[in-house]
Amino acid sequence: MQALAAQRRRNKGLQPAGSCHHCGNIEGIADRLFCDVDCADDWEYEHRLRSRLGLPAAHTVH
């Protein structure tokens, strides 16, 4: 839970959407950004990589 809260603080642009922003899972998400720490870490890795390469941000899954 602490890792997910830290992720939310780092990515103020992301808002809860009722599904995981990485994998699209809708079960038990409610007001969270990601379904678990693995999805949060994967999203963060891809986000940083896209930023370094100058690529546009990936569209979030809804």
PDB file of N, CA and C in Angstrom:
ATOM      1  N   MET A   1       0.819  -1.195   0.000  1.00  0.00           N
ATOM      2  CA  MET A   1       0.000   0.000   0.000  1.00  0.00           C
ATOM      3  C   MET A   1       0.866   1.264   0.000  1.00  0.00           C
ATOM      4  N   GLN A   2       1.986   1.221   0.708  1.00  0.00           N
ATOM      5  CA  GLN A   2       2.859   2.390   0.752  1.00  0.00           C
ATOM      6  C   GLN A   2       3.472   2.663  -0.617  1.00  0.00           C
ATOM      7  N   ALA A   3       3.829   1.604  -1.340  1.00  0.00           N
ATOM      8  CA  ALA A   3       4.406   1.792  -2.673  1.00  0.00           C
ATOM      9  C   ALA A   3       3.376   2.390  -3.621  1.00  0.00           C
ATOM     10  N   LEU A   4       2.132   1.947  -3.514  1.00  0.00           N
ATOM     11  CA  LEU A   4       1.088   2.503  -4.376  1.00  0.00           C
ATOM     12  C   LEU A   4       0.809   3.963  -4.028  1.00  0.00           C
ATOM     13  N   ALA A   5       0.844   4.281  -2.742  1.00  0.00           N
ATOM     14  CA  ALA A   5       0.648   5.676  -2.326  1.00  0.00           C
ATOM     15  C   ALA A   5       1.795   6.546  -2.835  1.00  0.00           C
ATOM     16  N   ALA A   6       3.013   6.038  -2.768  1.00  0.00           N
ATOM     17  CA  ALA A   6       4.173   6.788  -3.276  1.00  0.00           C
ATOM     18  C   ALA A   6       4.042   6.988  -4.778  1.00  0.00           C
ATOM     19  N   GLN A   7       3.578   5.966  -5.476  1.00  0.00           N
ATOM     20  CA  GLN A   7       3.368   6.068  -6.924  1.00  0.00           C
ATOM     21  C   GLN A   7       2.363   7.173  -7.239  1.00  0.00           C
ATOM     22  N   ARG A   8       1.300   7.243  -6.486  1.00  0.00           N
ATOM     23  CA  ARG A   8       0.271   8.266  -6.702  1.00  0.00           C
ATOM     24  C   ARG A   8       0.855   9.659  -6.503  1.00  0.00           C
ATOM     25  N   ARG A   9       1.706   9.822  -5.486  1.00  0.00           N
ATOM     26  CA  ARG A   9       2.308  11.141  -5.240  1.00  0.00           C
ATOM     27  C   ARG A   9       3.248  11.538  -6.372  1.00  0.00           C
ATOM     28  N   ARG A  10       4.003  10.574  -6.912  1.00  0.00           N
ATOM     29  CA  ARG A  10       4.941  10.867  -7.990  1.00  0.00           C
ATOM     30  C   ARG A  10       4.225  11.221  -9.287  1.00  0.00           C
ATOM     31  N   ASN A  11       3.072  10.667  -9.503  1.00  0.00           N
ATOM     32  CA  ASN A  11       2.370  10.826 -10.770  1.00  0.00           C
ATOM     33  C   ASN A  11       1.039  11.542 -10.551  1.00  0.00           C
ATOM     34  N   LYS A  12       1.130  12.780 -10.146  1.00  0.00           N
ATOM     35  CA  LYS A  12      -0.068  13.534  -9.815  1.00  0.00           C
ATOM     36  C   LYS A  12      -1.034  13.652 -10.986  1.00  0.00           C
ATOM     37  N   GLY A  13      -0.559  13.451 -12.211  1.00  0.00           N
ATOM     38  CA  GLY A  13      -1.426  13.536 -13.374  1.00  0.00           C
ATOM     39  C   GLY A  13      -2.381  12.361 -13.487  1.00  0.00           C
ATOM     40  N   LEU A  14      -2.015  11.221 -12.926  1.00  0.00           N
ATOM     41  CA  LEU A  14      -2.885  10.052 -12.976  1.00  0.00           C
ATOM     42  C   LEU A  14      -3.973  10.174 -11.929  1.00  0.00           C
ATOM     43  N   GLN A  15      -5.156   9.818 -12.318  1.00  0.00           N
ATOM     44  CA  GLN A  15      -6.288   9.815 -11.404  1.00  0.00           C
ATOM     45  C   GLN A  15      -6.923   8.433 -11.446  1.00  0.00           C
ATOM     46  N   PRO A  16      -7.504   7.980 -10.342  1.00  0.00           N
ATOM     47  CA  PRO A  16      -8.186   6.686 -10.365  1.00  0.00           C
ATOM     48  C   PRO A  16      -9.248   6.676 -11.463  1.00  0.00           C
ATOM     49  N   ALA A  17      -9.283   5.569 -12.212  1.00  0.00           N
ATOM     50  CA  ALA A  17     -10.198   5.481 -13.345  1.00  0.00           C
ATOM     51  C   ALA A  17     -11.115   4.257 -13.252  1.00  0.00           C
ATOM     52  N   GLY A  18     -11.047   3.544 -12.129  1.00  0.00           N
ATOM     53  CA  GLY A  18     -11.862   2.348 -11.991  1.00  0.00           C
ATOM     54  C   GLY A  18     -11.212   1.119 -12.592  1.00  0.00           C
ATOM     55  N   SER A  19      -9.998   1.285 -13.125  1.00  0.00           N
ATOM     56  CA  SER A  19      -9.226   0.156 -13.649  1.00  0.00           C
ATOM     57  C   SER A  19      -7.746   0.470 -13.474  1.00  0.00           C
ATOM     58  N   CYS A  20      -6.952  -0.583 -13.494  1.00  0.00           N
ATOM     59  CA  CYS A  20      -5.498  -0.431 -13.366  1.00  0.00           C
ATOM     60  C   CYS A  20      -4.971   0.320 -14.584  1.00  0.00           C
ATOM     61  N   HIS A  21      -4.162   1.323 -14.363  1.00  0.00           N
ATOM     62  CA  HIS A  21      -3.604   2.112 -15.467  1.00  0.00           C
ATOM     63  C   HIS A  21      -2.604   1.322 -16.303  1.00  0.00           C
ATOM     64  N   HIS A  22      -2.121   0.199 -15.782  1.00  0.00           N
ATOM     65  CA  HIS A  22      -1.148  -0.585 -16.548  1.00  0.00           C
ATOM     66  C   HIS A  22      -1.800  -1.755 -17.280  1.00  0.00           C
ATOM     67  N   CYS A  23      -2.538  -2.586 -16.572  1.00  0.00           N
ATOM     68  CA  CYS A  23      -3.053  -3.816 -17.188  1.00  0.00           C
ATOM     69  C   CYS A  23      -4.541  -3.773 -17.511  1.00  0.00           C
ATOM     70  N   GLY A  24      -5.264  -2.798 -16.958  1.00  0.00           N
ATOM     71  CA  GLY A  24      -6.682  -2.689 -17.248  1.00  0.00           C
ATOM     72  C   GLY A  24      -7.583  -3.489 -16.328  1.00  0.00           C
ATOM     73  N   ASN A  25      -7.020  -4.187 -15.342  1.00  0.00           N
ATOM     74  CA  ASN A  25      -7.805  -4.965 -14.392  1.00  0.00           C
ATOM     75  C   ASN A  25      -8.836  -4.066 -13.702  1.00  0.00           C
ATOM     76  N   ILE A  26     -10.072  -4.549 -13.567  1.00  0.00           N
ATOM     77  CA  ILE A  26     -11.110  -3.742 -12.916  1.00  0.00           C
ATOM     78  C   ILE A  26     -11.531  -4.298 -11.565  1.00  0.00           C
ATOM     79  N   GLU A  27     -11.059  -5.477 -11.208  1.00  0.00           N
ATOM     80  CA  GLU A  27     -11.470  -6.111  -9.952  1.00  0.00           C
ATOM     81  C   GLU A  27     -10.765  -5.491  -8.758  1.00  0.00           C
ATOM     82  N   GLY A  28     -11.535  -4.953  -7.819  1.00  0.00           N
ATOM     83  CA  GLY A  28     -10.993  -4.429  -6.575  1.00  0.00           C
ATOM     84  C   GLY A  28     -10.173  -3.165  -6.702  1.00  0.00           C
ATOM     85  N   ILE A  29     -10.308  -2.429  -7.785  1.00  0.00           N
ATOM     86  CA  ILE A  29      -9.496  -1.235  -7.991  1.00  0.00           C
ATOM     87  C   ILE A  29     -10.076  -0.021  -7.269  1.00  0.00           C
ATOM     88  N   ALA A  30     -11.329   0.258  -7.481  1.00  0.00           N
ATOM     89  CA  ALA A  30     -12.034   1.396  -6.876  1.00  0.00           C
ATOM     90  C   ALA A  30     -11.254   2.697  -7.022  1.00  0.00           C
ATOM     91  N   ASP A  31     -10.607   3.161  -5.950  1.00  0.00           N
ATOM     92  CA  ASP A  31      -9.946   4.473  -5.963  1.00  0.00           C
ATOM     93  C   ASP A  31      -8.430   4.381  -6.103  1.00  0.00           C
ATOM     94  N   ARG A  32      -7.926   3.236  -6.555  1.00  0.00           N
ATOM     95  CA  ARG A  32      -6.477   3.075  -6.719  1.00  0.00           C
ATOM     96  C   ARG A  32      -6.079   3.284  -8.177  1.00  0.00           C
ATOM     97  N   LEU A  33      -4.797   3.518  -8.401  1.00  0.00           N
ATOM     98  CA  LEU A  33      -4.279   3.708  -9.750  1.00  0.00           C
ATOM     99  C   LEU A  33      -3.878   2.387 -10.403  1.00  0.00           C
ATOM    100  N   PHE A  34      -3.369   1.471  -9.595  1.00  0.00           N
ATOM    101  CA  PHE A  34      -2.857   0.200 -10.085  1.00  0.00           C
ATOM    102  C   PHE A  34      -3.394  -0.928  -9.220  1.00  0.00           C
ATOM    103  N   CYS A  35      -3.458  -2.124  -9.801  1.00  0.00           N
ATOM    104  CA  CYS A  35      -4.002  -3.248  -9.043  1.00  0.00           C
ATOM    105  C   CYS A  35      -3.001  -3.812  -8.038  1.00  0.00           C
ATOM    106  N   ASP A  36      -1.714  -3.660  -8.297  1.00  0.00           N
ATOM    107  CA  ASP A  36      -0.705  -4.140  -7.355  1.00  0.00           C
ATOM    108  C   ASP A  36       0.625  -3.426  -7.607  1.00  0.00           C
ATOM    109  N   VAL A  37       1.594  -3.752  -6.786  1.00  0.00           N
ATOM    110  CA  VAL A  37       2.903  -3.112  -6.869  1.00  0.00           C
ATOM    111  C   VAL A  37       3.593  -3.457  -8.187  1.00  0.00           C
ATOM    112  N   ASP A  38       3.403  -4.674  -8.674  1.00  0.00           N
ATOM    113  CA  ASP A  38       4.035  -5.059  -9.938  1.00  0.00           C
ATOM    114  C   ASP A  38       3.568  -4.177 -11.088  1.00  0.00           C
ATOM    115  N   CYS A  39       2.269  -3.927 -11.177  1.00  0.00           N
ATOM    116  CA  CYS A  39       1.756  -3.055 -12.240  1.00  0.00           C
ATOM    117  C   CYS A  39       2.248  -1.625 -12.055  1.00  0.00           C
ATOM    118  N   ALA A  40       2.306  -1.160 -10.820  1.00  0.00           N
ATOM    119  CA  ALA A  40       2.812   0.187 -10.559  1.00  0.00           C
ATOM    120  C   ALA A  40       4.271   0.299 -10.999  1.00  0.00           C
ATOM    121  N   ASP A  41       5.074  -0.709 -10.653  1.00  0.00           N
ATOM    122  CA  ASP A  41       6.489  -0.702 -11.039  1.00  0.00           C
ATOM    123  C   ASP A  41       6.654  -0.776 -12.556  1.00  0.00           C
ATOM    124  N   ASP A  42       5.875  -1.637 -13.205  1.00  0.00           N
ATOM    125  CA  ASP A  42       5.954  -1.769 -14.663  1.00  0.00           C
ATOM    126  C   ASP A  42       5.561  -0.468 -15.347  1.00  0.00           C
ATOM    127  N   TRP A  43       4.503   0.167 -14.860  1.00  0.00           N
ATOM    128  CA  TRP A  43       4.057   1.435 -15.445  1.00  0.00           C
ATOM    129  C   TRP A  43       5.142   2.492 -15.275  1.00  0.00           C
ATOM    130  N   GLU A  44       5.731   2.558 -14.083  1.00  0.00           N
ATOM    131  CA  GLU A  44       6.784   3.536 -13.800  1.00  0.00           C
ATOM    132  C   GLU A  44       7.983   3.322 -14.719  1.00  0.00           C
ATOM    133  N   TYR A  45       8.402   2.064 -14.896  1.00  0.00           N
ATOM    134  CA  TYR A  45       9.524   1.745 -15.775  1.00  0.00           C
ATOM    135  C   TYR A  45       9.237   2.218 -17.197  1.00  0.00           C
ATOM    136  N   GLU A  46       8.069   1.871 -17.715  1.00  0.00           N
ATOM    137  CA  GLU A  46       7.726   2.270 -19.082  1.00  0.00           C
ATOM    138  C   GLU A  46       7.609   3.781 -19.211  1.00  0.00           C
ATOM    139  N   HIS A  47       7.054   4.444 -18.209  1.00  0.00           N
ATOM    140  CA  HIS A  47       6.903   5.899 -18.213  1.00  0.00           C
ATOM    141  C   HIS A  47       8.279   6.578 -18.263  1.00  0.00           C
ATOM    142  N   ARG A  48       9.198   6.111 -17.431  1.00  0.00           N
ATOM    143  CA  ARG A  48      10.550   6.695 -17.418  1.00  0.00           C
ATOM    144  C   ARG A  48      11.287   6.434 -18.721  1.00  0.00           C
ATOM    145  N   LEU A  49      11.149   5.233 -19.256  1.00  0.00           N
ATOM    146  CA  LEU A  49      11.798   4.890 -20.510  1.00  0.00           C
ATOM    147  C   LEU A  49      11.275   5.766 -21.645  1.00  0.00           C
ATOM    148  N   ARG A  50       9.955   5.949 -21.726  1.00  0.00           N
ATOM    149  CA  ARG A  50       9.366   6.808 -22.749  1.00  0.00           C
ATOM    150  C   ARG A  50       9.879   8.242 -22.596  1.00  0.00           C
ATOM    151  N   SER A  51       9.985   8.715 -21.366  1.00  0.00           N
ATOM    152  CA  SER A  51      10.482  10.076 -21.132  1.00  0.00           C
ATOM    153  C   SER A  51      11.918  10.218 -21.613  1.00  0.00           C
ATOM    154  N   ARG A  52      12.767   9.246 -21.295  1.00  0.00           N
ATOM    155  CA  ARG A  52      14.173   9.293 -21.707  1.00  0.00           C
ATOM    156  C   ARG A  52      14.329   9.245 -23.218  1.00  0.00           C
ATOM    157  N   LEU A  53      13.461   8.499 -23.880  1.00  0.00           N
ATOM    158  CA  LEU A  53      13.545   8.364 -25.322  1.00  0.00           C
ATOM    159  C   LEU A  53      12.812   9.475 -26.073  1.00  0.00           C
ATOM    160  N   GLY A  54      12.137  10.347 -25.321  1.00  0.00           N
ATOM    161  CA  GLY A  54      11.412  11.445 -25.942  1.00  0.00           C
ATOM    162  C   GLY A  54      10.121  11.004 -26.609  1.00  0.00           C
ATOM    163  N   LEU A  55       9.583   9.874 -26.183  1.00  0.00           N
ATOM    164  CA  LEU A  55       8.336   9.380 -26.736  1.00  0.00           C
ATOM    165  C   LEU A  55       7.149   9.945 -25.961  1.00  0.00           C
ATOM    166  N   PRO A  56       5.994  10.068 -26.607  1.00  0.00           N
ATOM    167  CA  PRO A  56       4.824  10.555 -25.890  1.00  0.00           C
ATOM    168  C   PRO A  56       4.400   9.556 -24.821  1.00  0.00           C
ATOM    169  N   ALA A  57       3.737  10.050 -23.809  1.00  0.00           N
ATOM    170  CA  ALA A  57       3.244   9.182 -22.748  1.00  0.00           C
ATOM    171  C   ALA A  57       2.254   8.181 -23.311  1.00  0.00           C
ATOM    172  N   ALA A  58       2.307   6.993 -22.772  1.00  0.00           N
ATOM    173  CA  ALA A  58       1.362   5.952 -23.206  1.00  0.00           C
ATOM    174  C   ALA A  58      -0.030   6.334 -22.730  1.00  0.00           C
ATOM    175  N   HIS A  59      -1.018   5.963 -23.485  1.00  0.00           N
ATOM    176  CA  HIS A  59      -2.399   6.196 -23.067  1.00  0.00           C
ATOM    177  C   HIS A  59      -2.713   5.264 -21.915  1.00  0.00           C
ATOM    178  N   THR A  60      -3.420   5.781 -20.935  1.00  0.00           N
ATOM    179  CA  THR A  60      -3.805   4.936 -19.819  1.00  0.00           C
ATOM    180  C   THR A  60      -4.955   4.038 -20.241  1.00  0.00           C
ATOM    181  N   VAL A  61      -5.027   2.881 -19.646  1.00  0.00           N
ATOM    182  CA  VAL A  61      -6.076   1.915 -19.944  1.00  0.00           C
ATOM    183  C   VAL A  61      -7.318   2.290 -19.161  1.00  0.00           C
ATOM    184  N   HIS A  62      -8.453   2.337 -19.833  1.00  0.00           N
ATOM    185  CA  HIS A  62      -9.724   2.635 -19.148  1.00  0.00           C
ATOM    186  C   HIS A  62     -10.719   1.558 -19.434  1.00  0.00           C
TER     187      HIS A  62
END
